[in-house]
């Protein structure tokens, strides 16, 4: 089975080495690069072509949010999971706006870290319940005054419901008998209609509106 290739971006060496040891104890992961600042993270992402970058947000020279945005600009297919001690809204929203694919706090259990890495590597978004609640609040504040679901077509609702359950674009396409490109177009329209900026915020919206638990 192919291993998940990871770049670790963390300025504290003892934390970085501990994280590396934790990951390498699992045969499913391979650490292909370590960065102690944002510039190094961007350069390593380009050179090593990892599946996932684990990104601290408090990095010297170039902070984590700037590094996320730069990696996504240069290499949009690389997935990025923020692994940070910062649980405040301003850090979260900045990371989401930069294009982060997942957000996890450093005090999370190791099992949740593995779950987050696997989800992000598979093309899904991941954020803990605590973080999702914060994102939901942001989305709620930005969508007051009307029921946003009323603005969606029947097909868009189908796509939203399936995406909320963690289905990939390919899974959604097969379920509703359309092309992957059509699914991507529907998702783009969904974000515009709902005033959302990323797949992460889209998932938070689904959680807030009870779509994830629907049959």
N, C-alpha and C. Protein backbone atom coordinates (compact mmCIF):
# COMPACT_ATOMS: atom_id res chain seq x y z
N UNK A 1 0.84 -1.20 0.00
CA UNK A 1 0.00 0.00 0.00
C UNK A 1 0.88 1.25 0.00
N UNK A 2 0.54 2.22 -0.83
CA UNK A 2 1.32 3.45 -0.92
C UNK A 2 1.24 4.23 0.38
N UNK A 3 2.38 4.72 0.83
CA UNK A 3 2.41 5.52 2.04
C UNK A 3 1.98 6.96 1.75
N UNK A 4 1.43 7.61 2.77
CA UNK A 4 1.09 9.03 2.68
C UNK A 4 2.35 9.84 2.93
N UNK A 5 2.73 10.67 1.96
CA UNK A 5 3.96 11.46 2.04
C UNK A 5 3.66 12.80 2.72
N UNK A 6 4.46 13.11 3.76
CA UNK A 6 4.18 14.28 4.59
C UNK A 6 5.38 15.21 4.69
N UNK A 7 5.09 16.51 4.71
CA UNK A 7 6.08 17.52 5.09
C UNK A 7 5.61 18.13 6.40
N UNK A 8 6.52 18.24 7.36
CA UNK A 8 6.21 18.81 8.67
C UNK A 8 6.76 20.22 8.75
N UNK A 9 5.90 21.20 9.01
CA UNK A 9 6.32 22.59 9.16
C UNK A 9 6.06 23.02 10.60
N UNK A 10 7.12 23.03 11.40
CA UNK A 10 7.03 23.33 12.83
C UNK A 10 8.37 23.90 13.27
N UNK A 11 8.35 25.08 13.90
CA UNK A 11 9.61 25.73 14.25
C UNK A 11 10.25 25.17 15.52
N UNK A 12 9.48 24.54 16.40
CA UNK A 12 10.04 23.98 17.63
C UNK A 12 10.55 22.56 17.34
N UNK A 13 11.87 22.41 17.41
CA UNK A 13 12.48 21.14 17.00
C UNK A 13 11.98 19.96 17.83
N UNK A 14 11.84 20.15 19.12
CA UNK A 14 11.41 19.04 19.97
C UNK A 14 10.00 18.58 19.61
N UNK A 15 9.14 19.53 19.25
CA UNK A 15 7.78 19.19 18.82
C UNK A 15 7.82 18.50 17.47
N UNK A 16 8.62 19.04 16.56
CA UNK A 16 8.73 18.46 15.22
C UNK A 16 9.26 17.04 15.25
N UNK A 17 10.29 16.80 16.05
CA UNK A 17 10.87 15.47 16.14
C UNK A 17 9.90 14.49 16.79
N UNK A 18 9.17 14.97 17.80
CA UNK A 18 8.17 14.11 18.44
C UNK A 18 7.06 13.74 17.49
N UNK A 19 6.62 14.70 16.70
CA UNK A 19 5.58 14.45 15.72
C UNK A 19 6.06 13.46 14.67
N UNK A 20 7.31 13.64 14.23
CA UNK A 20 7.88 12.73 13.24
C UNK A 20 7.93 11.30 13.77
N UNK A 21 8.39 11.15 15.01
CA UNK A 21 8.47 9.82 15.61
C UNK A 21 7.09 9.17 15.70
N UNK A 22 6.09 9.96 16.07
CA UNK A 22 4.72 9.46 16.17
C UNK A 22 4.23 8.96 14.81
N UNK A 23 4.50 9.73 13.77
CA UNK A 23 4.04 9.36 12.43
C UNK A 23 4.77 8.15 11.89
N UNK A 24 6.10 8.09 12.10
CA UNK A 24 6.88 6.99 11.55
C UNK A 24 6.64 5.67 12.27
N UNK A 25 6.03 5.75 13.44
CA UNK A 25 5.65 4.52 14.14
C UNK A 25 4.49 3.82 13.45
N UNK A 26 3.85 4.55 12.53
CA UNK A 26 2.74 4.00 11.75
C UNK A 26 3.25 3.72 10.34
N UNK A 27 3.12 2.49 9.84
CA UNK A 27 3.68 2.15 8.52
C UNK A 27 3.00 2.86 7.35
N UNK A 28 1.90 3.55 7.60
CA UNK A 28 1.18 4.20 6.51
C UNK A 28 1.69 5.58 6.15
N UNK A 29 2.71 6.08 6.90
CA UNK A 29 3.17 7.45 6.68
C UNK A 29 4.67 7.51 6.40
N UNK A 30 5.03 8.49 5.60
CA UNK A 30 6.44 8.74 5.29
C UNK A 30 6.70 10.24 5.38
N UNK A 31 7.63 10.65 6.23
CA UNK A 31 7.98 12.06 6.36
C UNK A 31 9.09 12.37 5.35
N UNK A 32 8.76 13.17 4.35
CA UNK A 32 9.71 13.43 3.25
C UNK A 32 10.41 14.78 3.41
N UNK A 33 10.04 15.57 4.42
CA UNK A 33 10.69 16.85 4.63
C UNK A 33 10.27 17.49 5.94
N UNK A 34 11.19 18.29 6.51
CA UNK A 34 10.91 19.02 7.74
C UNK A 34 11.29 20.48 7.54
N UNK A 35 10.42 21.38 7.93
CA UNK A 35 10.66 22.81 7.78
C UNK A 35 10.52 23.50 9.13
N UNK A 36 11.44 24.43 9.41
CA UNK A 36 11.40 25.17 10.67
C UNK A 36 10.89 26.60 10.48
N UNK A 37 10.58 26.98 9.23
CA UNK A 37 9.98 28.29 8.98
C UNK A 37 9.11 28.21 7.73
N UNK A 38 8.35 29.28 7.47
CA UNK A 38 7.41 29.27 6.36
C UNK A 38 8.06 29.18 5.00
N UNK A 39 9.20 29.87 4.80
CA UNK A 39 9.89 29.80 3.51
C UNK A 39 10.34 28.38 3.20
N UNK A 40 10.88 27.71 4.21
CA UNK A 40 11.31 26.33 4.03
C UNK A 40 10.12 25.43 3.68
N UNK A 41 8.98 25.67 4.30
CA UNK A 41 7.79 24.87 4.03
C UNK A 41 7.35 25.01 2.58
N UNK A 42 7.36 26.23 2.09
CA UNK A 42 6.96 26.47 0.69
C UNK A 42 7.94 25.79 -0.26
N UNK A 43 9.23 25.93 0.00
CA UNK A 43 10.24 25.34 -0.87
C UNK A 43 10.19 23.81 -0.84
N UNK A 44 10.04 23.25 0.34
CA UNK A 44 9.96 21.79 0.45
C UNK A 44 8.72 21.23 -0.23
N UNK A 45 7.61 21.95 -0.12
CA UNK A 45 6.39 21.50 -0.77
C UNK A 45 6.59 21.39 -2.28
N UNK A 46 7.31 22.35 -2.86
CA UNK A 46 7.58 22.31 -4.29
C UNK A 46 8.55 21.22 -4.68
N UNK A 47 9.57 20.99 -3.87
CA UNK A 47 10.60 20.02 -4.19
C UNK A 47 10.17 18.58 -3.94
N UNK A 48 9.44 18.35 -2.85
CA UNK A 48 9.14 16.99 -2.42
C UNK A 48 7.77 16.49 -2.87
N UNK A 49 6.91 17.39 -3.31
CA UNK A 49 5.56 17.03 -3.78
C UNK A 49 4.84 16.10 -2.79
N UNK A 50 4.65 16.54 -1.55
CA UNK A 50 3.99 15.68 -0.56
C UNK A 50 2.50 15.56 -0.82
N UNK A 51 1.90 14.57 -0.18
CA UNK A 51 0.44 14.46 -0.22
C UNK A 51 -0.18 15.49 0.73
N UNK A 52 0.45 15.65 1.89
CA UNK A 52 -0.08 16.55 2.93
C UNK A 52 1.06 17.31 3.59
N UNK A 53 0.83 18.59 3.84
CA UNK A 53 1.74 19.39 4.66
C UNK A 53 1.05 19.64 6.00
N UNK A 54 1.73 19.27 7.10
CA UNK A 54 1.24 19.61 8.43
C UNK A 54 1.84 20.96 8.80
N UNK A 55 1.00 21.96 8.94
CA UNK A 55 1.46 23.34 9.02
C UNK A 55 1.15 23.99 10.37
N UNK A 56 2.19 24.34 11.11
CA UNK A 56 2.01 25.19 12.28
C UNK A 56 1.71 26.61 11.78
N UNK A 57 0.96 27.38 12.53
CA UNK A 57 0.62 28.74 12.08
C UNK A 57 1.60 29.79 12.59
N UNK A 58 2.34 29.48 13.66
CA UNK A 58 3.29 30.44 14.22
C UNK A 58 4.70 30.07 13.77
N UNK A 59 5.06 30.48 12.57
CA UNK A 59 6.37 30.17 12.01
C UNK A 59 7.16 31.45 11.77
N UNK A 60 8.49 31.41 11.91
CA UNK A 60 9.31 32.61 11.62
C UNK A 60 9.47 32.82 10.12
N UNK A 61 9.97 34.02 9.77
CA UNK A 61 10.25 34.45 8.40
C UNK A 61 8.98 34.60 7.56
N UNK A 62 8.19 33.55 7.44
CA UNK A 62 6.88 33.60 6.79
C UNK A 62 5.93 32.80 7.66
N UNK A 63 4.84 33.43 8.13
CA UNK A 63 3.98 32.69 9.05
C UNK A 63 3.19 31.60 8.32
N UNK A 64 2.54 30.74 9.10
CA UNK A 64 1.86 29.59 8.53
C UNK A 64 0.76 29.94 7.56
N UNK A 65 0.00 31.00 7.85
CA UNK A 65 -1.09 31.40 6.96
C UNK A 65 -0.54 31.85 5.60
N UNK A 66 0.53 32.64 5.63
CA UNK A 66 1.15 33.07 4.37
C UNK A 66 1.70 31.88 3.60
N UNK A 67 2.30 30.93 4.32
CA UNK A 67 2.85 29.74 3.68
C UNK A 67 1.74 28.90 3.05
N UNK A 68 0.61 28.78 3.74
CA UNK A 68 -0.53 28.05 3.18
C UNK A 68 -0.97 28.67 1.87
N UNK A 69 -1.15 29.98 1.87
CA UNK A 69 -1.60 30.68 0.67
C UNK A 69 -0.62 30.52 -0.48
N UNK A 70 0.69 30.59 -0.18
CA UNK A 70 1.70 30.48 -1.22
C UNK A 70 1.78 29.07 -1.78
N UNK A 71 1.71 28.07 -0.92
CA UNK A 71 1.71 26.68 -1.41
C UNK A 71 0.49 26.42 -2.27
N UNK A 72 -0.67 26.88 -1.84
CA UNK A 72 -1.88 26.67 -2.62
C UNK A 72 -1.83 27.40 -3.95
N UNK A 73 -1.18 28.56 -3.98
CA UNK A 73 -1.05 29.31 -5.23
C UNK A 73 -0.16 28.57 -6.22
N UNK A 74 0.95 28.02 -5.71
CA UNK A 74 1.90 27.33 -6.57
C UNK A 74 1.52 25.88 -6.87
N UNK A 75 0.96 25.22 -5.86
CA UNK A 75 0.69 23.78 -5.97
C UNK A 75 -0.70 23.48 -5.40
N UNK A 76 -1.74 23.83 -6.10
CA UNK A 76 -3.10 23.70 -5.56
C UNK A 76 -3.52 22.27 -5.20
N UNK A 77 -2.84 21.27 -5.74
CA UNK A 77 -3.23 19.89 -5.44
C UNK A 77 -2.67 19.40 -4.11
N UNK A 78 -1.66 20.09 -3.58
CA UNK A 78 -1.10 19.68 -2.28
C UNK A 78 -2.10 20.02 -1.18
N UNK A 79 -2.34 19.07 -0.31
CA UNK A 79 -3.29 19.25 0.78
C UNK A 79 -2.57 19.76 2.02
N UNK A 80 -3.23 20.61 2.78
CA UNK A 80 -2.60 21.23 3.94
C UNK A 80 -3.50 21.10 5.17
N UNK A 81 -2.92 20.56 6.23
CA UNK A 81 -3.61 20.45 7.51
C UNK A 81 -2.92 21.35 8.53
N UNK A 82 -3.63 22.35 9.02
CA UNK A 82 -3.08 23.21 10.07
C UNK A 82 -3.07 22.42 11.38
N UNK A 83 -1.90 22.37 12.01
CA UNK A 83 -1.75 21.73 13.31
C UNK A 83 -1.17 22.78 14.25
N UNK A 84 -2.03 23.33 15.09
CA UNK A 84 -1.67 24.55 15.79
C UNK A 84 -2.22 24.58 17.21
N UNK A 85 -1.63 25.44 18.02
CA UNK A 85 -2.14 25.66 19.37
C UNK A 85 -3.20 26.76 19.38
N UNK A 86 -3.37 27.45 18.25
CA UNK A 86 -4.28 28.59 18.18
C UNK A 86 -5.71 28.14 17.86
N UNK A 87 -6.60 28.35 18.82
CA UNK A 87 -7.99 27.99 18.60
C UNK A 87 -8.92 29.18 18.51
N UNK A 88 -8.35 30.37 18.31
CA UNK A 88 -9.18 31.57 18.23
C UNK A 88 -9.69 31.79 16.81
N UNK A 89 -10.82 32.49 16.72
CA UNK A 89 -11.51 32.66 15.44
C UNK A 89 -10.65 33.34 14.39
N UNK A 90 -9.85 34.34 14.78
CA UNK A 90 -9.08 35.07 13.77
C UNK A 90 -8.04 34.19 13.10
N UNK A 91 -7.42 33.28 13.85
CA UNK A 91 -6.47 32.35 13.25
C UNK A 91 -7.20 31.38 12.31
N UNK A 92 -8.32 30.88 12.76
CA UNK A 92 -9.09 29.92 11.97
C UNK A 92 -9.56 30.52 10.65
N UNK A 93 -10.18 31.70 10.72
CA UNK A 93 -10.70 32.31 9.50
C UNK A 93 -9.57 32.69 8.54
N UNK A 94 -8.45 33.13 9.08
CA UNK A 94 -7.31 33.47 8.21
C UNK A 94 -6.79 32.24 7.49
N UNK A 95 -6.71 31.12 8.20
CA UNK A 95 -6.24 29.88 7.58
C UNK A 95 -7.21 29.38 6.53
N UNK A 96 -8.50 29.48 6.82
CA UNK A 96 -9.52 29.05 5.85
C UNK A 96 -9.46 29.92 4.60
N UNK A 97 -9.33 31.21 4.78
CA UNK A 97 -9.24 32.12 3.64
C UNK A 97 -7.99 31.84 2.80
N UNK A 98 -6.92 31.38 3.44
CA UNK A 98 -5.68 31.07 2.73
C UNK A 98 -5.79 29.77 1.94
N UNK A 99 -6.80 28.94 2.26
CA UNK A 99 -7.01 27.72 1.50
C UNK A 99 -6.71 26.44 2.25
N UNK A 100 -6.58 26.48 3.58
CA UNK A 100 -6.27 25.28 4.34
C UNK A 100 -7.36 24.22 4.16
N UNK A 101 -6.97 22.96 4.18
CA UNK A 101 -7.91 21.86 3.96
C UNK A 101 -8.40 21.22 5.26
N UNK A 102 -7.72 21.51 6.35
CA UNK A 102 -8.12 20.97 7.64
C UNK A 102 -7.50 21.78 8.75
N UNK A 103 -8.05 21.66 9.96
CA UNK A 103 -7.58 22.46 11.08
C UNK A 103 -7.72 21.62 12.34
N UNK A 104 -6.59 21.41 13.01
CA UNK A 104 -6.57 20.57 14.20
C UNK A 104 -5.71 21.23 15.28
N UNK A 105 -6.19 21.17 16.52
CA UNK A 105 -5.43 21.74 17.63
C UNK A 105 -4.39 20.74 18.13
N UNK A 106 -3.28 21.25 18.63
CA UNK A 106 -2.18 20.39 19.06
C UNK A 106 -2.52 19.56 20.30
N UNK A 107 -3.55 19.93 21.03
CA UNK A 107 -3.92 19.14 22.20
C UNK A 107 -4.90 18.02 21.85
N UNK A 108 -5.10 17.78 20.57
CA UNK A 108 -6.00 16.71 20.13
C UNK A 108 -5.34 15.35 20.34
N UNK A 109 -6.13 14.29 20.52
CA UNK A 109 -5.57 12.94 20.65
C UNK A 109 -4.85 12.52 19.37
N UNK A 110 -3.84 11.65 19.50
CA UNK A 110 -3.09 11.21 18.33
C UNK A 110 -3.98 10.50 17.32
N UNK A 111 -5.01 9.79 17.81
CA UNK A 111 -5.92 9.10 16.89
C UNK A 111 -6.64 10.09 15.98
N UNK A 112 -6.97 11.26 16.55
CA UNK A 112 -7.65 12.28 15.74
C UNK A 112 -6.70 12.88 14.71
N UNK A 113 -5.42 12.97 15.05
CA UNK A 113 -4.43 13.44 14.08
C UNK A 113 -4.38 12.51 12.88
N UNK A 114 -4.31 11.21 13.13
CA UNK A 114 -4.28 10.25 12.02
C UNK A 114 -5.56 10.34 11.19
N UNK A 115 -6.69 10.47 11.86
CA UNK A 115 -7.97 10.61 11.15
C UNK A 115 -7.96 11.85 10.27
N UNK A 116 -7.45 12.95 10.82
CA UNK A 116 -7.40 14.21 10.07
C UNK A 116 -6.49 14.10 8.85
N UNK A 117 -5.31 13.52 9.03
CA UNK A 117 -4.37 13.36 7.91
C UNK A 117 -5.00 12.51 6.81
N UNK A 118 -5.59 11.39 7.20
CA UNK A 118 -6.19 10.49 6.20
C UNK A 118 -7.32 11.16 5.45
N UNK A 119 -8.15 11.92 6.16
CA UNK A 119 -9.27 12.60 5.52
C UNK A 119 -8.78 13.65 4.53
N UNK A 120 -7.82 14.46 4.96
CA UNK A 120 -7.30 15.52 4.10
C UNK A 120 -6.59 14.91 2.88
N UNK A 121 -5.82 13.85 3.09
CA UNK A 121 -5.12 13.19 1.99
C UNK A 121 -6.09 12.61 0.98
N UNK A 122 -7.28 12.22 1.45
CA UNK A 122 -8.29 11.63 0.57
C UNK A 122 -9.13 12.68 -0.15
N UNK A 123 -8.79 13.95 0.04
CA UNK A 123 -9.51 15.01 -0.65
C UNK A 123 -10.67 15.60 0.12
N UNK A 124 -10.82 15.21 1.38
CA UNK A 124 -11.90 15.74 2.20
C UNK A 124 -11.38 16.86 3.10
N UNK A 125 -12.29 17.58 3.71
CA UNK A 125 -11.94 18.57 4.72
C UNK A 125 -12.05 17.92 6.09
N UNK A 126 -11.27 18.42 7.04
CA UNK A 126 -11.38 17.88 8.39
C UNK A 126 -11.21 19.00 9.41
N UNK A 127 -12.09 19.01 10.39
CA UNK A 127 -11.93 19.90 11.54
C UNK A 127 -12.69 19.28 12.70
N UNK A 128 -12.16 19.45 13.89
CA UNK A 128 -12.75 18.85 15.08
C UNK A 128 -14.10 19.50 15.39
N UNK A 129 -14.83 18.89 16.29
CA UNK A 129 -16.13 19.44 16.68
C UNK A 129 -16.00 20.86 17.23
N UNK A 130 -14.97 21.06 18.02
CA UNK A 130 -14.75 22.40 18.60
C UNK A 130 -14.53 23.44 17.50
N UNK A 131 -13.71 23.09 16.53
CA UNK A 131 -13.41 24.02 15.43
C UNK A 131 -14.62 24.18 14.52
N UNK A 132 -15.33 23.08 14.26
CA UNK A 132 -16.50 23.17 13.39
C UNK A 132 -17.57 24.06 13.97
N UNK A 133 -17.71 24.04 15.30
CA UNK A 133 -18.69 24.91 15.95
C UNK A 133 -18.33 26.38 15.74
N UNK A 134 -17.03 26.67 15.80
CA UNK A 134 -16.58 28.04 15.58
C UNK A 134 -16.83 28.47 14.13
N UNK A 135 -16.55 27.57 13.19
CA UNK A 135 -16.80 27.88 11.78
C UNK A 135 -18.29 28.07 11.51
N UNK A 136 -19.09 27.24 12.14
CA UNK A 136 -20.53 27.36 11.98
C UNK A 136 -21.03 28.73 12.44
N UNK A 137 -20.46 29.21 13.54
CA UNK A 137 -20.83 30.53 14.05
C UNK A 137 -20.47 31.61 13.06
N UNK A 138 -19.29 31.49 12.44
CA UNK A 138 -18.87 32.46 11.43
C UNK A 138 -19.84 32.44 10.25
N UNK A 139 -20.17 31.24 9.81
CA UNK A 139 -21.10 31.11 8.68
C UNK A 139 -22.47 31.68 9.03
N UNK A 140 -22.93 31.42 10.26
CA UNK A 140 -24.24 31.91 10.69
C UNK A 140 -24.28 33.43 10.72
N UNK A 141 -23.21 34.04 11.16
CA UNK A 141 -23.15 35.49 11.21
C UNK A 141 -23.16 36.10 9.81
N UNK A 142 -22.62 35.36 8.85
CA UNK A 142 -22.55 35.88 7.49
C UNK A 142 -23.78 35.58 6.66
N UNK A 143 -24.71 34.80 7.21
CA UNK A 143 -25.89 34.41 6.44
C UNK A 143 -27.19 34.69 7.19
N UNK A 144 -27.25 35.78 7.95
CA UNK A 144 -28.46 36.14 8.68
C UNK A 144 -29.51 36.75 7.75
N UNK A 145 -30.78 36.59 8.15
CA UNK A 145 -31.85 37.30 7.46
C UNK A 145 -32.68 36.45 6.53
N UNK A 146 -32.20 35.27 6.12
CA UNK A 146 -32.99 34.42 5.24
C UNK A 146 -32.49 32.99 5.35
N UNK A 147 -33.29 32.06 4.85
CA UNK A 147 -32.89 30.66 4.82
C UNK A 147 -32.03 30.43 3.58
N UNK A 148 -30.73 30.22 3.74
CA UNK A 148 -29.85 30.09 2.58
C UNK A 148 -30.17 28.89 1.71
N UNK A 149 -30.77 27.83 2.31
CA UNK A 149 -31.10 26.64 1.53
C UNK A 149 -32.16 26.92 0.47
N UNK A 150 -32.97 27.95 0.71
CA UNK A 150 -34.01 28.29 -0.26
C UNK A 150 -33.44 28.80 -1.57
N UNK A 151 -32.17 29.24 -1.55
CA UNK A 151 -31.54 29.77 -2.76
C UNK A 151 -30.95 28.67 -3.65
N UNK A 152 -31.01 27.43 -3.18
CA UNK A 152 -30.37 26.34 -3.91
C UNK A 152 -31.36 25.58 -4.79
N UNK A 153 -30.87 25.10 -5.92
CA UNK A 153 -31.68 24.25 -6.79
C UNK A 153 -31.73 22.84 -6.19
N UNK A 154 -32.61 22.01 -6.72
CA UNK A 154 -32.73 20.64 -6.23
C UNK A 154 -31.41 19.89 -6.40
N UNK A 155 -30.76 20.07 -7.55
CA UNK A 155 -29.49 19.39 -7.83
C UNK A 155 -28.39 19.88 -6.89
N UNK A 156 -28.37 21.17 -6.63
CA UNK A 156 -27.38 21.73 -5.72
C UNK A 156 -27.56 21.19 -4.30
N UNK A 157 -28.81 20.99 -3.91
CA UNK A 157 -29.08 20.41 -2.59
C UNK A 157 -28.55 18.97 -2.52
N UNK A 158 -28.72 18.23 -3.63
CA UNK A 158 -28.21 16.86 -3.68
C UNK A 158 -26.70 16.84 -3.50
N UNK A 159 -26.03 17.71 -4.23
CA UNK A 159 -24.57 17.78 -4.16
C UNK A 159 -24.12 18.18 -2.75
N UNK A 160 -24.80 19.16 -2.18
CA UNK A 160 -24.46 19.64 -0.84
C UNK A 160 -24.62 18.53 0.19
N UNK A 161 -25.72 17.80 0.11
CA UNK A 161 -26.00 16.74 1.07
C UNK A 161 -24.95 15.63 1.00
N UNK A 162 -24.56 15.25 -0.22
CA UNK A 162 -23.55 14.19 -0.39
C UNK A 162 -22.17 14.67 0.05
N UNK A 163 -21.84 15.91 -0.29
CA UNK A 163 -20.55 16.48 0.11
C UNK A 163 -20.46 16.56 1.63
N UNK A 164 -21.58 16.87 2.27
CA UNK A 164 -21.62 16.97 3.73
C UNK A 164 -21.30 15.64 4.41
N UNK A 165 -21.57 14.55 3.71
CA UNK A 165 -21.30 13.21 4.25
C UNK A 165 -19.89 12.74 3.93
N UNK A 166 -19.07 13.64 3.37
CA UNK A 166 -17.67 13.31 3.12
C UNK A 166 -17.41 12.63 1.80
N UNK A 167 -18.40 12.64 0.89
CA UNK A 167 -18.22 12.01 -0.42
C UNK A 167 -17.26 12.84 -1.27
N UNK A 168 -16.40 12.16 -2.01
CA UNK A 168 -15.51 12.86 -2.94
C UNK A 168 -16.30 13.31 -4.15
N UNK A 169 -15.69 14.17 -4.97
CA UNK A 169 -16.37 14.63 -6.20
C UNK A 169 -16.74 13.46 -7.09
N UNK A 170 -15.85 12.46 -7.16
CA UNK A 170 -16.13 11.27 -7.98
C UNK A 170 -17.32 10.49 -7.44
N UNK A 171 -17.38 10.33 -6.10
CA UNK A 171 -18.50 9.63 -5.47
C UNK A 171 -19.82 10.35 -5.75
N UNK A 172 -19.80 11.68 -5.63
CA UNK A 172 -21.01 12.47 -5.87
C UNK A 172 -21.44 12.33 -7.32
N UNK A 173 -20.47 12.41 -8.23
CA UNK A 173 -20.78 12.30 -9.67
C UNK A 173 -21.45 10.97 -9.98
N UNK A 174 -20.93 9.89 -9.41
CA UNK A 174 -21.50 8.57 -9.65
C UNK A 174 -22.89 8.43 -9.04
N UNK A 175 -23.09 9.06 -7.90
CA UNK A 175 -24.37 8.95 -7.20
C UNK A 175 -25.51 9.65 -7.93
N UNK A 176 -25.19 10.78 -8.58
CA UNK A 176 -26.26 11.55 -9.25
C UNK A 176 -26.13 11.51 -10.77
N UNK A 177 -25.21 10.66 -11.27
CA UNK A 177 -25.07 10.39 -12.70
C UNK A 177 -24.71 11.63 -13.52
N UNK A 178 -23.69 12.33 -13.06
CA UNK A 178 -23.17 13.48 -13.80
C UNK A 178 -21.64 13.35 -13.83
N UNK A 179 -20.97 14.26 -14.54
CA UNK A 179 -19.51 14.23 -14.60
C UNK A 179 -18.91 14.89 -13.37
N UNK A 180 -17.63 14.59 -13.14
CA UNK A 180 -16.92 15.22 -12.02
C UNK A 180 -16.85 16.73 -12.22
N UNK A 181 -16.67 17.16 -13.48
CA UNK A 181 -16.62 18.60 -13.76
C UNK A 181 -17.94 19.28 -13.41
N UNK A 182 -19.04 18.59 -13.65
CA UNK A 182 -20.35 19.15 -13.30
C UNK A 182 -20.49 19.30 -11.79
N UNK A 183 -20.00 18.31 -11.05
CA UNK A 183 -20.03 18.38 -9.58
C UNK A 183 -19.20 19.58 -9.11
N UNK A 184 -18.02 19.75 -9.69
CA UNK A 184 -17.16 20.87 -9.31
C UNK A 184 -17.85 22.20 -9.59
N UNK A 185 -18.58 22.27 -10.71
CA UNK A 185 -19.31 23.50 -11.04
C UNK A 185 -20.42 23.77 -10.03
N UNK A 186 -21.13 22.70 -9.64
CA UNK A 186 -22.19 22.85 -8.63
C UNK A 186 -21.61 23.34 -7.31
N UNK A 187 -20.46 22.81 -6.92
CA UNK A 187 -19.84 23.23 -5.67
C UNK A 187 -19.43 24.69 -5.71
N UNK A 188 -18.91 25.12 -6.86
CA UNK A 188 -18.55 26.53 -7.02
C UNK A 188 -19.78 27.42 -6.87
N UNK A 189 -20.88 27.01 -7.50
CA UNK A 189 -22.13 27.77 -7.40
C UNK A 189 -22.67 27.78 -5.97
N UNK A 190 -22.53 26.64 -5.28
CA UNK A 190 -22.98 26.55 -3.89
C UNK A 190 -22.25 27.56 -3.02
N UNK A 191 -20.94 27.63 -3.18
CA UNK A 191 -20.15 28.55 -2.36
C UNK A 191 -20.56 29.99 -2.62
N UNK A 192 -20.81 30.32 -3.89
CA UNK A 192 -21.22 31.68 -4.23
C UNK A 192 -22.58 32.01 -3.62
N UNK A 193 -23.53 31.10 -3.76
CA UNK A 193 -24.89 31.35 -3.26
C UNK A 193 -24.93 31.43 -1.73
N UNK A 194 -24.09 30.66 -1.09
CA UNK A 194 -24.11 30.61 0.37
C UNK A 194 -23.14 31.58 1.02
N UNK A 195 -22.36 32.26 0.19
CA UNK A 195 -21.40 33.23 0.71
C UNK A 195 -20.23 32.57 1.43
N UNK A 196 -19.84 31.39 0.97
CA UNK A 196 -18.74 30.65 1.58
C UNK A 196 -17.51 30.71 0.70
N UNK A 197 -16.32 30.53 1.33
CA UNK A 197 -15.08 30.74 0.59
C UNK A 197 -14.27 29.49 0.35
N UNK A 198 -14.64 28.36 0.95
CA UNK A 198 -13.83 27.16 0.80
C UNK A 198 -14.67 25.93 1.12
N UNK A 199 -14.11 24.77 0.82
CA UNK A 199 -14.78 23.50 1.14
C UNK A 199 -14.91 23.32 2.64
N UNK A 200 -13.95 23.87 3.39
CA UNK A 200 -14.00 23.79 4.84
C UNK A 200 -15.22 24.53 5.38
N UNK A 201 -15.47 25.74 4.88
CA UNK A 201 -16.64 26.50 5.32
C UNK A 201 -17.93 25.84 4.83
N UNK A 202 -17.88 25.20 3.65
CA UNK A 202 -19.04 24.49 3.14
C UNK A 202 -19.42 23.35 4.08
N UNK A 203 -18.41 22.62 4.55
CA UNK A 203 -18.66 21.52 5.49
C UNK A 203 -19.23 22.05 6.80
N UNK A 204 -18.71 23.19 7.27
CA UNK A 204 -19.21 23.78 8.51
C UNK A 204 -20.67 24.21 8.35
N UNK A 205 -21.01 24.74 7.19
CA UNK A 205 -22.40 25.13 6.92
C UNK A 205 -23.31 23.90 7.00
N UNK A 206 -22.86 22.78 6.42
CA UNK A 206 -23.65 21.56 6.45
C UNK A 206 -23.88 21.08 7.88
N UNK A 207 -22.84 21.17 8.70
CA UNK A 207 -22.97 20.77 10.10
C UNK A 207 -23.97 21.67 10.82
N UNK A 208 -23.86 22.96 10.59
CA UNK A 208 -24.74 23.92 11.25
C UNK A 208 -26.20 23.71 10.87
N UNK A 209 -26.46 23.29 9.62
CA UNK A 209 -27.83 23.14 9.13
C UNK A 209 -28.35 21.71 9.21
N UNK A 210 -27.62 20.84 9.92
CA UNK A 210 -28.10 19.49 10.16
C UNK A 210 -28.08 18.59 8.96
N UNK A 211 -27.27 18.91 7.95
CA UNK A 211 -27.26 18.10 6.73
C UNK A 211 -26.39 16.86 6.85
N UNK A 212 -25.42 16.87 7.73
CA UNK A 212 -24.49 15.75 7.83
C UNK A 212 -25.19 14.51 8.39
N UNK A 213 -26.16 14.71 9.25
CA UNK A 213 -26.82 13.57 9.88
C UNK A 213 -28.09 13.13 9.17
N UNK A 214 -28.43 13.81 8.06
CA UNK A 214 -29.64 13.42 7.34
C UNK A 214 -29.43 12.09 6.63
N UNK A 215 -30.53 11.35 6.40
CA UNK A 215 -30.48 10.12 5.61
C UNK A 215 -30.53 10.46 4.13
